[in-house]
Amino acid sequence: MNVGSLVHLVTIQTPGGTVSDGDGGSTQAWITLTPDEWASITPATARDQQRKLAGAITAVATHVIRLHYRDDITIHCRVLHSRYGHVTTDAQGNPTTADARVFNVAGQQNVDEDDTEWLLDCTEVLT
């Protein structure tokens, strides 16, 4: 991995418990994993759009995020990014930074199976 290409500071979150939404329902809370990581974020190519395994689509990606391997990242995680640095969050873990982008992890690959690099297929959450 070319560490010079890791130019985006990202925050990784994992699902926490549910919390009351104030209207009688509940919403998903998020727990921020530390530390923040340097990553590359690129739009998914046509080849990345649908990775297939035995004829079944395993992930549909809008972006590919490459970063150093961490054993706490799963397909249930999400990645936050702001072009201005660290993303601040509220008590439920939702981003409060004005330009924050949210990417749900749809698939992951341990590049070369040597626990040094993650390749995450992500879908951007548009609000």
N, C-alpha and C. Protein backbone atom coordinates (compact mmCIF):
# COMPACT_ATOMS: atom_id res chain seq x y z
N MET A 1 0.85 -1.17 0.00
CA MET A 1 0.00 0.00 0.00
C MET A 1 0.89 1.24 0.00
N ASN A 2 0.56 2.18 -0.84
CA ASN A 2 1.28 3.44 -0.90
C ASN A 2 0.71 4.37 0.16
N VAL A 3 1.43 4.53 1.29
CA VAL A 3 0.91 5.35 2.38
C VAL A 3 0.73 6.80 1.98
N GLY A 4 1.40 7.25 0.94
CA GLY A 4 1.22 8.60 0.45
C GLY A 4 -0.16 8.85 -0.14
N SER A 5 -0.87 7.78 -0.48
CA SER A 5 -2.23 7.94 -1.02
C SER A 5 -3.29 8.00 0.08
N LEU A 6 -2.88 7.79 1.33
CA LEU A 6 -3.83 7.83 2.45
C LEU A 6 -3.94 9.27 2.93
N VAL A 7 -4.79 10.05 2.27
CA VAL A 7 -4.87 11.48 2.51
C VAL A 7 -6.15 11.93 3.20
N HIS A 8 -7.05 11.01 3.49
CA HIS A 8 -8.33 11.35 4.11
C HIS A 8 -8.34 10.83 5.55
N LEU A 9 -8.57 11.72 6.51
CA LEU A 9 -8.71 11.31 7.90
C LEU A 9 -10.15 10.85 8.10
N VAL A 10 -10.33 9.59 8.52
CA VAL A 10 -11.67 9.03 8.68
C VAL A 10 -11.89 8.56 10.11
N THR A 11 -13.15 8.56 10.49
CA THR A 11 -13.59 8.05 11.79
C THR A 11 -14.39 6.80 11.53
N ILE A 12 -14.10 5.74 12.25
CA ILE A 12 -14.80 4.47 12.07
C ILE A 12 -15.73 4.26 13.26
N GLN A 13 -16.96 3.84 12.96
CA GLN A 13 -17.95 3.61 14.01
C GLN A 13 -18.54 2.22 13.89
N THR A 14 -18.93 1.67 15.04
CA THR A 14 -19.59 0.38 15.10
C THR A 14 -20.94 0.58 15.77
N PRO A 15 -21.93 -0.25 15.46
CA PRO A 15 -23.25 -0.05 16.07
C PRO A 15 -23.20 -0.20 17.59
N GLY A 16 -23.90 0.70 18.25
CA GLY A 16 -24.08 0.61 19.70
C GLY A 16 -25.50 0.12 19.96
N GLY A 17 -26.03 0.42 21.09
CA GLY A 17 -27.41 0.04 21.39
C GLY A 17 -28.39 0.99 20.74
N THR A 18 -29.66 0.75 20.99
CA THR A 18 -30.69 1.66 20.50
C THR A 18 -31.02 2.66 21.60
N VAL A 19 -31.39 3.86 21.19
CA VAL A 19 -31.76 4.92 22.13
C VAL A 19 -33.11 5.49 21.71
N SER A 20 -33.83 6.03 22.67
CA SER A 20 -35.14 6.62 22.41
C SER A 20 -35.00 7.80 21.46
N ASP A 21 -35.94 7.90 20.52
CA ASP A 21 -35.90 9.03 19.58
C ASP A 21 -36.76 10.20 20.05
N GLY A 22 -37.40 10.06 21.23
CA GLY A 22 -38.22 11.13 21.77
C GLY A 22 -39.65 11.11 21.29
N ASP A 23 -39.96 10.27 20.33
CA ASP A 23 -41.32 10.17 19.79
C ASP A 23 -41.93 8.79 20.04
N GLY A 24 -41.41 8.07 21.01
CA GLY A 24 -41.94 6.75 21.33
C GLY A 24 -41.24 5.62 20.59
N GLY A 25 -40.32 5.94 19.70
CA GLY A 25 -39.58 4.93 18.95
C GLY A 25 -38.13 4.90 19.40
N SER A 26 -37.31 4.29 18.59
CA SER A 26 -35.88 4.23 18.92
C SER A 26 -35.06 4.42 17.67
N THR A 27 -33.80 4.74 17.88
CA THR A 27 -32.86 4.94 16.78
C THR A 27 -31.54 4.28 17.13
N GLN A 28 -30.75 3.98 16.12
CA GLN A 28 -29.45 3.33 16.30
C GLN A 28 -28.43 4.32 16.83
N ALA A 29 -27.74 3.96 17.90
CA ALA A 29 -26.61 4.76 18.38
C ALA A 29 -25.33 4.16 17.81
N TRP A 30 -24.28 4.96 17.72
CA TRP A 30 -23.01 4.53 17.15
C TRP A 30 -21.89 4.78 18.13
N ILE A 31 -20.93 3.87 18.17
CA ILE A 31 -19.76 3.98 19.04
C ILE A 31 -18.55 4.24 18.14
N THR A 32 -17.83 5.31 18.45
CA THR A 32 -16.65 5.67 17.66
C THR A 32 -15.46 4.83 18.11
N LEU A 33 -14.82 4.17 17.14
CA LEU A 33 -13.62 3.39 17.42
C LEU A 33 -12.42 4.33 17.32
N THR A 34 -11.47 4.15 18.19
CA THR A 34 -10.29 5.01 18.16
C THR A 34 -9.07 4.18 17.81
N PRO A 35 -8.08 4.78 17.25
CA PRO A 35 -7.99 6.18 16.83
C PRO A 35 -8.58 6.36 15.44
N ASP A 36 -8.70 7.66 15.01
CA ASP A 36 -9.05 7.94 13.62
C ASP A 36 -7.96 7.35 12.73
N GLU A 37 -8.29 7.10 11.47
CA GLU A 37 -7.34 6.47 10.54
C GLU A 37 -7.16 7.33 9.30
N TRP A 38 -5.98 7.21 8.69
CA TRP A 38 -5.75 7.80 7.38
C TRP A 38 -6.14 6.77 6.33
N ALA A 39 -6.86 7.22 5.31
CA ALA A 39 -7.39 6.31 4.30
C ALA A 39 -7.40 7.00 2.93
N SER A 40 -7.61 6.21 1.91
CA SER A 40 -7.91 6.76 0.59
C SER A 40 -9.37 6.46 0.30
N ILE A 41 -10.07 7.43 -0.27
CA ILE A 41 -11.47 7.27 -0.64
C ILE A 41 -11.58 7.56 -2.12
N THR A 42 -12.03 6.57 -2.89
CA THR A 42 -12.17 6.76 -4.33
C THR A 42 -13.55 6.29 -4.77
N PRO A 43 -14.11 6.96 -5.78
CA PRO A 43 -15.38 6.46 -6.32
C PRO A 43 -15.18 5.05 -6.87
N ALA A 44 -16.18 4.23 -6.71
CA ALA A 44 -16.10 2.85 -7.20
C ALA A 44 -16.13 2.84 -8.72
N THR A 45 -15.31 2.00 -9.29
CA THR A 45 -15.32 1.82 -10.74
C THR A 45 -16.44 0.87 -11.11
N ALA A 46 -16.67 0.71 -12.39
CA ALA A 46 -17.69 -0.24 -12.83
C ALA A 46 -17.39 -1.64 -12.31
N ARG A 47 -16.12 -1.99 -12.26
CA ARG A 47 -15.73 -3.31 -11.75
C ARG A 47 -16.02 -3.43 -10.26
N ASP A 48 -15.82 -2.33 -9.52
CA ASP A 48 -16.10 -2.34 -8.09
C ASP A 48 -17.59 -2.36 -7.79
N GLN A 49 -18.40 -1.85 -8.73
CA GLN A 49 -19.82 -1.69 -8.47
C GLN A 49 -20.49 -2.97 -7.98
N GLN A 50 -20.14 -4.08 -8.57
CA GLN A 50 -20.73 -5.35 -8.15
C GLN A 50 -19.65 -6.41 -8.13
N ARG A 51 -19.25 -6.78 -6.93
CA ARG A 51 -18.30 -7.87 -6.77
C ARG A 51 -19.12 -9.15 -6.67
N LYS A 52 -18.74 -10.15 -7.45
CA LYS A 52 -19.53 -11.37 -7.49
C LYS A 52 -18.76 -12.54 -6.92
N LEU A 53 -19.48 -13.40 -6.24
CA LEU A 53 -18.91 -14.62 -5.68
C LEU A 53 -19.88 -15.75 -6.00
N ALA A 54 -19.45 -16.68 -6.81
CA ALA A 54 -20.28 -17.82 -7.21
C ALA A 54 -21.61 -17.37 -7.80
N GLY A 55 -21.58 -16.29 -8.59
CA GLY A 55 -22.79 -15.83 -9.25
C GLY A 55 -23.69 -14.96 -8.41
N ALA A 56 -23.38 -14.77 -7.15
CA ALA A 56 -24.22 -13.95 -6.27
C ALA A 56 -23.51 -12.62 -6.01
N ILE A 57 -24.26 -11.54 -6.05
CA ILE A 57 -23.70 -10.23 -5.76
C ILE A 57 -23.47 -10.14 -4.25
N THR A 58 -22.25 -9.81 -3.86
CA THR A 58 -21.94 -9.75 -2.43
C THR A 58 -21.92 -8.32 -1.91
N ALA A 59 -21.69 -7.35 -2.76
CA ALA A 59 -21.69 -5.95 -2.31
C ALA A 59 -21.90 -5.04 -3.50
N VAL A 60 -22.60 -3.96 -3.29
CA VAL A 60 -22.74 -2.91 -4.27
C VAL A 60 -22.09 -1.69 -3.66
N ALA A 61 -21.12 -1.12 -4.33
CA ALA A 61 -20.34 -0.04 -3.75
C ALA A 61 -20.46 1.24 -4.55
N THR A 62 -20.48 2.38 -3.84
CA THR A 62 -20.36 3.68 -4.50
C THR A 62 -18.94 4.20 -4.34
N HIS A 63 -18.24 3.75 -3.29
CA HIS A 63 -16.87 4.19 -3.02
C HIS A 63 -16.05 3.01 -2.49
N VAL A 64 -14.75 3.11 -2.69
CA VAL A 64 -13.83 2.13 -2.13
C VAL A 64 -12.91 2.89 -1.17
N ILE A 65 -12.81 2.38 0.05
CA ILE A 65 -11.97 3.00 1.06
C ILE A 65 -10.86 2.02 1.40
N ARG A 66 -9.63 2.50 1.28
CA ARG A 66 -8.44 1.68 1.55
C ARG A 66 -7.76 2.25 2.78
N LEU A 67 -7.43 1.38 3.75
CA LEU A 67 -6.77 1.81 4.97
C LEU A 67 -5.98 0.68 5.57
N HIS A 68 -5.20 0.98 6.59
CA HIS A 68 -4.44 -0.05 7.29
C HIS A 68 -5.41 -1.03 7.96
N TYR A 69 -5.00 -2.28 8.03
CA TYR A 69 -5.82 -3.34 8.61
C TYR A 69 -6.10 -3.07 10.09
N ARG A 70 -7.35 -3.30 10.48
CA ARG A 70 -7.77 -3.26 11.88
C ARG A 70 -8.70 -4.45 12.08
N ASP A 71 -8.57 -5.12 13.21
CA ASP A 71 -9.43 -6.29 13.43
C ASP A 71 -10.80 -5.93 13.98
N ASP A 72 -11.08 -4.63 14.19
CA ASP A 72 -12.38 -4.23 14.73
C ASP A 72 -13.33 -3.69 13.67
N ILE A 73 -12.99 -3.80 12.40
CA ILE A 73 -13.87 -3.34 11.33
C ILE A 73 -14.65 -4.53 10.79
N THR A 74 -15.99 -4.36 10.72
CA THR A 74 -16.87 -5.39 10.17
C THR A 74 -17.80 -4.75 9.15
N ILE A 75 -18.62 -5.56 8.51
CA ILE A 75 -19.58 -5.02 7.55
C ILE A 75 -20.73 -4.29 8.24
N HIS A 76 -20.74 -4.27 9.56
CA HIS A 76 -21.76 -3.52 10.30
C HIS A 76 -21.28 -2.12 10.64
N CYS A 77 -20.04 -1.81 10.31
CA CYS A 77 -19.45 -0.51 10.64
C CYS A 77 -19.84 0.54 9.62
N ARG A 78 -19.50 1.77 9.96
CA ARG A 78 -19.61 2.87 9.01
C ARG A 78 -18.39 3.76 9.16
N VAL A 79 -18.11 4.53 8.11
CA VAL A 79 -16.94 5.39 8.07
C VAL A 79 -17.43 6.83 7.88
N LEU A 80 -16.91 7.75 8.70
CA LEU A 80 -17.25 9.16 8.59
C LEU A 80 -16.05 9.92 8.06
N HIS A 81 -16.32 10.91 7.21
CA HIS A 81 -15.22 11.71 6.66
C HIS A 81 -15.66 13.16 6.48
N SER A 82 -14.76 14.07 6.78
CA SER A 82 -14.94 15.49 6.51
C SER A 82 -13.68 15.98 5.84
N ARG A 83 -13.80 16.82 4.85
CA ARG A 83 -12.60 17.32 4.18
C ARG A 83 -11.79 18.25 5.08
N TYR A 84 -12.37 18.65 6.21
CA TYR A 84 -11.68 19.55 7.13
C TYR A 84 -11.07 18.85 8.33
N GLY A 85 -11.03 17.53 8.34
CA GLY A 85 -10.39 16.79 9.44
C GLY A 85 -11.36 15.95 10.22
N HIS A 86 -11.14 15.88 11.53
CA HIS A 86 -11.93 15.02 12.42
C HIS A 86 -13.42 15.38 12.37
N VAL A 87 -14.27 14.37 12.36
CA VAL A 87 -15.72 14.56 12.37
C VAL A 87 -16.19 14.55 13.82
N THR A 88 -16.91 15.58 14.23
CA THR A 88 -17.50 15.60 15.57
C THR A 88 -18.87 14.94 15.51
N THR A 89 -19.26 14.33 16.64
CA THR A 89 -20.52 13.60 16.69
C THR A 89 -21.31 14.00 17.93
N ASP A 90 -22.63 13.72 17.90
CA ASP A 90 -23.48 13.98 19.06
C ASP A 90 -23.46 12.77 19.99
N ALA A 91 -24.31 12.77 21.00
CA ALA A 91 -24.32 11.70 22.01
C ALA A 91 -24.67 10.34 21.41
N GLN A 92 -25.40 10.30 20.30
CA GLN A 92 -25.75 9.03 19.65
C GLN A 92 -24.73 8.61 18.60
N GLY A 93 -23.69 9.42 18.41
CA GLY A 93 -22.66 9.09 17.44
C GLY A 93 -22.93 9.60 16.05
N ASN A 94 -23.97 10.41 15.89
CA ASN A 94 -24.28 10.95 14.57
C ASN A 94 -23.43 12.19 14.30
N PRO A 95 -22.96 12.35 13.07
CA PRO A 95 -22.06 13.46 12.78
C PRO A 95 -22.73 14.82 12.94
N THR A 96 -22.00 15.77 13.52
CA THR A 96 -22.47 17.14 13.64
C THR A 96 -21.64 18.09 12.80
N THR A 97 -20.55 17.61 12.24
CA THR A 97 -19.72 18.41 11.35
C THR A 97 -20.52 18.69 10.08
N ALA A 98 -20.56 19.95 9.66
CA ALA A 98 -21.44 20.38 8.56
C ALA A 98 -21.24 19.59 7.27
N ASP A 99 -20.00 19.31 6.90
CA ASP A 99 -19.76 18.64 5.61
C ASP A 99 -19.48 17.15 5.75
N ALA A 100 -19.86 16.57 6.88
CA ALA A 100 -19.56 15.15 7.13
C ALA A 100 -20.23 14.25 6.10
N ARG A 101 -19.48 13.26 5.65
CA ARG A 101 -20.00 12.23 4.75
C ARG A 101 -20.04 10.92 5.53
N VAL A 102 -21.05 10.10 5.27
CA VAL A 102 -21.23 8.82 5.95
C VAL A 102 -21.20 7.72 4.90
N PHE A 103 -20.36 6.70 5.15
CA PHE A 103 -20.24 5.55 4.25
C PHE A 103 -20.52 4.28 5.05
N ASN A 104 -21.53 3.52 4.64
CA ASN A 104 -21.79 2.22 5.25
C ASN A 104 -20.90 1.17 4.59
N VAL A 105 -20.28 0.34 5.41
CA VAL A 105 -19.42 -0.72 4.88
C VAL A 105 -20.31 -1.85 4.36
N ALA A 106 -20.22 -2.14 3.08
CA ALA A 106 -21.03 -3.19 2.47
C ALA A 106 -20.24 -4.47 2.23
N GLY A 107 -18.92 -4.34 2.18
CA GLY A 107 -18.07 -5.50 1.97
C GLY A 107 -16.64 -5.13 2.36
N GLN A 108 -15.85 -6.12 2.66
CA GLN A 108 -14.47 -5.87 3.06
C GLN A 108 -13.57 -6.96 2.53
N GLN A 109 -12.32 -6.57 2.27
CA GLN A 109 -11.34 -7.52 1.78
C GLN A 109 -10.03 -7.28 2.51
N ASN A 110 -9.48 -8.33 3.09
CA ASN A 110 -8.16 -8.31 3.70
C ASN A 110 -7.17 -8.53 2.56
N VAL A 111 -6.63 -7.43 2.03
CA VAL A 111 -5.77 -7.49 0.84
C VAL A 111 -4.58 -8.40 1.11
N ASP A 112 -4.33 -9.32 0.21
CA ASP A 112 -3.24 -10.30 0.30
C ASP A 112 -3.32 -11.21 1.52
N GLU A 113 -4.43 -11.15 2.27
CA GLU A 113 -4.64 -12.01 3.44
C GLU A 113 -3.47 -11.96 4.43
N ASP A 114 -2.85 -10.78 4.56
CA ASP A 114 -1.70 -10.69 5.47
C ASP A 114 -1.91 -9.68 6.61
N ASP A 115 -3.16 -9.27 6.83
CA ASP A 115 -3.52 -8.38 7.94
C ASP A 115 -2.73 -7.08 7.94
N THR A 116 -2.54 -6.49 6.75
CA THR A 116 -1.87 -5.20 6.68
C THR A 116 -2.75 -4.12 6.05
N GLU A 117 -3.72 -4.53 5.23
CA GLU A 117 -4.51 -3.55 4.48
C GLU A 117 -5.95 -4.00 4.32
N TRP A 118 -6.89 -3.08 4.55
CA TRP A 118 -8.31 -3.32 4.32
C TRP A 118 -8.72 -2.60 3.04
N LEU A 119 -9.55 -3.24 2.27
CA LEU A 119 -10.22 -2.63 1.14
C LEU A 119 -11.71 -2.73 1.44
N LEU A 120 -12.36 -1.59 1.69
CA LEU A 120 -13.77 -1.58 2.09
C LEU A 120 -14.64 -1.11 0.94
N ASP A 121 -15.62 -1.92 0.55
CA ASP A 121 -16.63 -1.50 -0.41
C ASP A 121 -17.71 -0.80 0.40
N CYS A 122 -17.96 0.46 0.08
CA CYS A 122 -18.89 1.25 0.89
C CYS A 122 -19.97 1.89 0.02
N THR A 123 -21.10 2.15 0.64
CA THR A 123 -22.18 2.91 0.01
C THR A 123 -22.33 4.20 0.78
N GLU A 124 -22.31 5.30 0.06
CA GLU A 124 -22.47 6.61 0.73
C GLU A 124 -23.93 6.83 1.08
N VAL A 125 -24.17 7.30 2.30
CA VAL A 125 -25.51 7.61 2.77
C VAL A 125 -25.78 9.06 2.39
N LEU A 126 -26.79 9.27 1.57
CA LEU A 126 -27.14 10.61 1.13
C LEU A 126 -28.36 11.08 1.92
N THR A 127 -28.24 12.27 2.49
CA THR A 127 -29.36 12.79 3.28
C THR A 127 -29.98 14.00 2.64
